[in-house]
Protein backbone atom coordinates (compact mmCIF):
# COMPACT_ATOMS: atom_id res chain seq x y z
CA MET A 1 -0.02 0.04 -0.11
CA LYS A 2 2.75 2.37 0.98
CA THR A 3 4.68 1.47 -2.26
CA LYS A 4 1.63 2.32 -4.34
CA ILE A 5 1.11 5.65 -2.57
CA ILE A 6 4.77 6.63 -2.94
CA ASN A 7 4.83 5.64 -6.71
CA SER A 8 1.67 7.73 -7.28
CA LEU A 9 3.28 10.68 -5.52
CA PHE A 10 6.38 10.34 -7.62
CA LEU A 11 4.23 9.95 -10.86
CA LEU A 12 2.27 13.03 -9.88
CA PHE A 13 5.32 14.94 -8.91
CA GLY A 14 6.90 13.99 -12.31
CA ILE A 15 3.92 15.21 -14.25
CA SER A 16 4.17 18.67 -12.41
CA ILE A 17 7.88 19.00 -13.23
CA SER A 18 7.24 18.13 -16.80
CA ALA A 19 4.51 20.61 -17.02
CA MET A 20 6.72 23.26 -15.64
CA ALA A 21 9.56 22.40 -17.81
CA PHE A 22 7.54 23.04 -20.91
CA ASN A 23 5.62 25.77 -19.49
CA PRO A 24 5.75 28.56 -22.38
CA LYS A 25 5.49 31.36 -19.58
CA THR A 26 8.47 29.79 -17.71
CA ASP A 27 10.63 29.52 -21.01
CA SER A 28 9.77 33.12 -21.87
CA ALA A 29 10.73 34.41 -18.35
CA ASN A 30 13.95 32.48 -18.66
CA THR A 31 14.79 33.86 -21.91
CA GLU A 32 13.89 37.42 -20.69
CA LYS A 33 16.27 36.88 -17.73
CA ALA A 34 19.08 35.56 -19.75
CA ALA A 35 18.74 38.65 -22.01
CA ASN A 36 18.77 40.90 -19.11
CA ARG A 37 21.88 39.34 -17.50
CA GLY A 38 24.43 41.57 -15.72
CA PHE A 39 27.43 43.05 -17.28
CA ALA A 40 30.48 45.14 -16.40
CA VAL A 41 32.02 48.03 -18.13
CA ILE A 42 35.56 48.46 -16.35
CA GLU A 43 37.03 51.85 -17.15
CA LEU A 44 40.79 52.30 -16.25
CA PHE A 45 42.26 55.84 -16.16
CA THR A 46 46.08 55.44 -16.47
CA SER A 47 49.24 56.77 -17.95
CA GLU A 48 52.71 55.50 -19.10
CA GLY A 49 54.23 58.49 -17.13
CA CYS A 50 52.88 57.12 -13.80
CA SER A 51 54.93 54.48 -11.86
CA SER A 52 51.82 53.33 -9.98
CA CYS A 53 49.79 52.41 -13.25
CA PRO A 54 51.70 49.20 -14.61
CA PRO A 55 50.15 47.08 -11.71
CA ALA A 56 46.54 48.24 -12.66
CA ASP A 57 47.32 47.47 -16.28
CA LYS A 58 48.52 44.10 -15.31
CA LEU A 59 45.37 43.49 -13.16
CA LEU A 60 43.11 44.44 -15.98
CA ALA A 61 44.79 42.04 -18.46
CA LYS A 62 44.29 39.35 -15.86
CA ILE A 63 40.54 40.13 -15.43
CA GLN A 64 40.16 40.15 -19.14
CA GLU A 65 41.81 36.71 -19.41
CA GLU A 66 39.68 35.31 -16.85
CA HIS A 67 36.35 36.56 -18.12
CA ALA A 68 36.91 35.88 -21.88
CA GLY A 69 33.56 35.39 -23.53
CA LYS A 70 31.62 36.90 -20.65
CA PRO A 71 29.83 40.39 -20.64
CA VAL A 72 32.92 42.04 -19.19
CA TYR A 73 34.08 45.04 -21.19
CA ILE A 74 37.42 46.87 -20.37
CA LEU A 75 38.40 50.27 -21.51
CA ALA A 76 41.72 51.72 -20.71
CA PHE A 77 41.75 55.62 -21.08
CA HIS A 78 45.22 57.28 -21.17
CA VAL A 79 45.18 60.65 -19.49
CA ASP A 80 47.33 63.64 -20.67
CA TYR A 81 48.11 65.44 -17.31
CA TRP A 82 51.22 63.06 -16.73
CA ASN A 83 52.87 64.33 -20.01
CA HIS A 84 54.65 67.27 -18.58
CA GLN A 85 56.62 64.84 -16.23
CA GLY A 86 59.20 63.99 -19.03
CA TRP A 87 57.36 61.36 -20.99
CA ARG A 88 54.44 61.94 -23.41
CA ASP A 89 52.04 58.97 -23.51
CA VAL A 90 51.50 58.44 -27.14
CA PHE A 91 47.95 56.95 -26.48
CA SER A 92 46.84 59.92 -24.18
CA GLU A 93 44.09 62.32 -25.05
CA LYS A 94 42.85 65.52 -23.58
CA ASP A 95 39.16 64.18 -23.95
CA PHE A 96 40.03 61.28 -21.76
CA THR A 97 41.17 63.47 -18.97
CA LYS A 98 37.92 65.33 -19.31
CA ARG A 99 35.93 62.11 -19.04
CA GLN A 100 37.83 61.26 -15.85
CA TYR A 101 37.05 64.68 -14.55
CA GLN A 102 33.24 64.21 -15.45
CA TYR A 103 33.44 60.97 -13.24
CA ALA A 104 34.63 63.17 -10.27
CA SER A 105 31.60 65.25 -10.88
CA TRP A 106 29.21 62.32 -11.08
CA LEU A 107 30.58 60.48 -8.19
CA ASN A 108 31.17 63.53 -5.99
CA LEU A 109 34.94 63.10 -5.83
CA GLU A 110 37.35 65.84 -4.79
CA THR A 111 40.10 64.93 -7.19
CA VAL A 112 41.28 62.60 -9.87
CA TYR A 113 44.31 60.33 -9.89
CA THR A 114 45.86 57.36 -11.63
CA PRO A 115 45.49 54.58 -11.75
CA GLN A 116 41.67 55.05 -11.10
CA VAL A 117 39.05 52.44 -12.03
CA VAL A 118 35.28 53.00 -12.56
CA VAL A 119 32.74 50.09 -12.91
CA ASN A 120 29.41 50.80 -14.70
CA GLY A 121 29.84 54.40 -13.90
CA ARG A 122 28.95 53.46 -10.22
CA HIS A 123 31.94 52.00 -8.32
CA GLU A 124 35.16 54.04 -8.05
CA LEU A 125 38.50 52.43 -6.81
CA ILE A 126 42.26 52.42 -7.06
CA GLY A 127 43.12 50.58 -10.14
CA SER A 128 45.48 48.03 -8.41
CA GLN A 129 43.18 47.07 -5.69
CA GLU A 130 42.23 43.47 -6.85
CA GLU A 131 39.95 42.47 -4.15
CA THR A 132 37.79 45.72 -4.36
CA LEU A 133 37.67 45.41 -8.13
CA ARG A 134 36.48 41.86 -7.99
CA ARG A 135 33.81 42.71 -5.44
CA ALA A 136 32.43 45.46 -7.64
CA LEU A 137 32.63 43.11 -10.62
CA ASN A 138 30.66 40.37 -8.87
CA ILE A 139 27.99 42.88 -7.82
CA GLU A 140 27.48 44.00 -11.40
CA LEU A 141 27.57 40.49 -12.98
CA ASN A 142 25.09 39.41 -10.60
CA SER A 143 22.65 42.38 -11.04
CA GLY A 144 19.97 42.53 -13.74
CA ALA A 145 20.80 45.18 -16.56
CA PRO A 146 18.42 48.07 -16.48
CA ALA A 147 18.29 48.30 -20.23
CA GLN A 148 19.12 46.43 -23.38
CA LEU A 149 21.33 47.14 -26.34
CA HIS A 150 21.84 45.31 -29.67
CA ALA A 151 24.25 46.61 -32.39
CA ASP A 152 25.77 45.67 -35.69
CA ALA A 153 29.17 47.23 -36.67
CA GLN A 154 30.04 47.68 -40.29
CA ILE A 155 33.32 48.98 -41.80
CA GLU A 156 32.66 51.09 -44.94
CA ALA A 157 34.79 53.82 -46.63
CA GLY A 158 36.97 54.52 -43.64
CA LYS A 159 34.21 54.64 -41.27
CA LEU A 160 32.63 52.63 -38.57
CA LYS A 161 28.91 52.44 -39.19
CA LEU A 162 26.80 51.16 -36.25
CA ALA A 163 23.13 50.07 -36.28
CA TYR A 164 21.63 49.72 -32.84
CA GLN A 165 18.40 49.15 -31.03
CA ALA A 166 17.96 50.24 -27.31
CA THR A 167 15.29 49.22 -24.81
CA ASN A 168 14.50 51.09 -21.68
CA ALA A 169 17.35 53.58 -22.15
CA GLY A 170 15.40 56.26 -20.52
CA ARG A 171 15.76 60.14 -20.71
CA GLY A 172 19.18 61.68 -20.52
CA THR A 173 20.86 58.64 -21.99
CA VAL A 174 23.59 58.67 -24.51
CA LEU A 175 25.06 55.95 -26.77
CA GLN A 176 28.89 55.78 -26.17
CA VAL A 177 30.90 54.18 -28.91
CA ALA A 178 34.59 53.30 -28.15
CA LEU A 179 37.09 52.14 -30.56
CA VAL A 180 39.62 49.89 -28.82
CA GLN A 181 43.10 48.72 -29.72
CA LYS A 182 43.33 45.31 -28.12
CA VAL A 183 47.08 45.13 -27.26
CA ALA A 184 50.25 47.38 -27.51
CA HIS A 185 53.68 47.65 -25.97
CA THR A 186 55.71 50.92 -25.32
CA MET A 187 59.38 51.20 -24.44
CA VAL A 188 59.37 54.23 -22.05
CA LYS A 189 62.53 56.29 -22.26
CA ARG A 190 61.95 59.05 -19.81
CA GLY A 191 59.85 59.76 -16.68
CA GLU A 192 59.07 57.65 -13.75
CA ASN A 193 58.77 54.36 -15.95
CA ALA A 194 61.98 55.16 -17.76
CA GLY A 195 63.69 51.91 -19.08
CA ARG A 196 60.48 49.70 -18.70
CA LEU A 197 58.66 47.98 -21.57
CA LEU A 198 54.98 48.51 -20.66
CA PRO A 199 52.33 46.19 -22.02
CA HIS A 200 48.87 47.57 -22.47
CA VAL A 201 45.43 46.20 -23.27
CA GLN A 202 42.16 47.51 -24.26
CA ILE A 203 43.49 51.06 -25.23
CA VAL A 204 40.76 53.38 -26.01
CA ARG A 205 41.78 55.34 -29.12
CA ARG A 206 38.56 57.09 -29.75
CA ILE A 207 35.17 57.55 -27.89
CA GLN A 208 32.19 59.45 -29.20
CA SER A 209 28.72 59.90 -27.71
CA PHE A 210 25.29 60.19 -29.50
CA PRO A 211 21.79 60.80 -28.23
CA ALA A 212 20.31 57.54 -27.61
CA VAL A 213 16.93 56.68 -29.42
CA ASP A 214 15.07 53.45 -29.51
CA SER A 215 16.90 52.50 -32.91
CA GLY A 216 19.25 54.34 -35.10
CA HIS A 217 22.48 54.60 -37.04
CA VAL A 218 25.60 56.48 -36.12
CA ALA A 219 29.09 56.54 -37.85
CA LEU A 220 32.69 57.30 -36.63
CA ASN A 221 35.80 58.04 -38.60
CA LEU A 222 38.38 55.17 -38.05
CA PRO A 223 41.77 56.36 -36.54
CA GLU A 224 45.05 56.01 -38.51
CA GLY A 225 46.56 52.53 -38.17
CA PHE A 226 42.99 50.80 -37.67
CA ASN A 227 43.03 47.27 -38.12
CA PRO A 228 39.91 45.11 -37.70
CA THR A 229 41.75 42.11 -36.51
CA GLU A 230 43.61 44.09 -33.82
CA TRP A 231 40.85 46.46 -32.70
CA GLU A 232 37.30 46.09 -31.37
CA VAL A 233 34.27 48.43 -30.87
CA ILE A 234 32.50 48.60 -27.34
CA THR A 235 29.29 50.56 -27.17
CA PHE A 236 27.17 51.25 -24.09
CA LEU A 237 24.28 53.25 -22.79
CA GLN A 238 25.18 55.85 -20.06
CA ASN A 239 23.03 58.33 -18.15
CA THR A 240 24.28 61.78 -18.55
CA GLN A 241 23.08 62.96 -15.08
CA THR A 242 24.42 60.23 -12.95
CA GLY A 243 27.26 58.51 -15.12
CA THR A 244 25.47 55.19 -14.68
CA ILE A 245 25.98 52.63 -17.56
CA THR A 246 22.82 50.65 -18.19
CA ALA A 247 23.69 48.38 -20.97
CA ALA A 248 26.70 47.39 -23.10
CA ILE A 249 27.75 45.13 -26.04
CA ARG A 250 30.81 44.20 -28.14
CA PRO A 251 29.47 43.96 -31.75
CA ASP A 252 31.68 42.11 -34.42
CA PHE A 253 33.26 43.98 -37.26
CA LYS A 254 31.72 43.27 -40.62
CA GLN A 255 33.44 44.60 -43.79
CA ASN A 256 31.77 45.52 -47.19
CA SER A 257 33.69 43.55 -50.02
């Protein structure tokens, strides 16, 4: 008698599980959850003239390797305020320094420094602090993305043309498009890092913002030396009032024949 009751319960339980497994509403919810998974845009503000920066560059290379294929997007911005210390960083741009100061305003910081890391426009830390960076990374990867972004990148006539769709972007949001050189090495001859061969990853060579709409097309001029096999594009949605990044994607380059 007990055996029959137990078997009946298992049969009933099995039918219930099967019904749940093939429930269209459950599958739809799982699909939506997967599409809305967490992500992390890690921005490093660095300089070849700063002796404290190489450990941060090395840490980001480590993070990138560990999270290959995952929604982790690394952007290294080389600032220009170290250039007067005896070595001009060839990757530095005034606009990158302006971006760092914009974060100081967004995050209510008294000053800027190198190496500095900002994660999703919400977490700020010293770029070489591995434990703190991993903690911020885990928080963002395990949080749902507030918005969604899809994009296709096309190379045509010396331009990068991007077609995109944004969902839940919200007011005051811009589409940021960054052209990134994946790897480079520099032999530094002067300044605090004189005599050192510095490896770099994910070097931002150009970033441009556009008003975000539900769907649209934007275009950027490609920098000199651009090579689609050695570069990538990272695009993301960012709130202009708070600096919070709400979605990000790394579209593949396509080339017109």
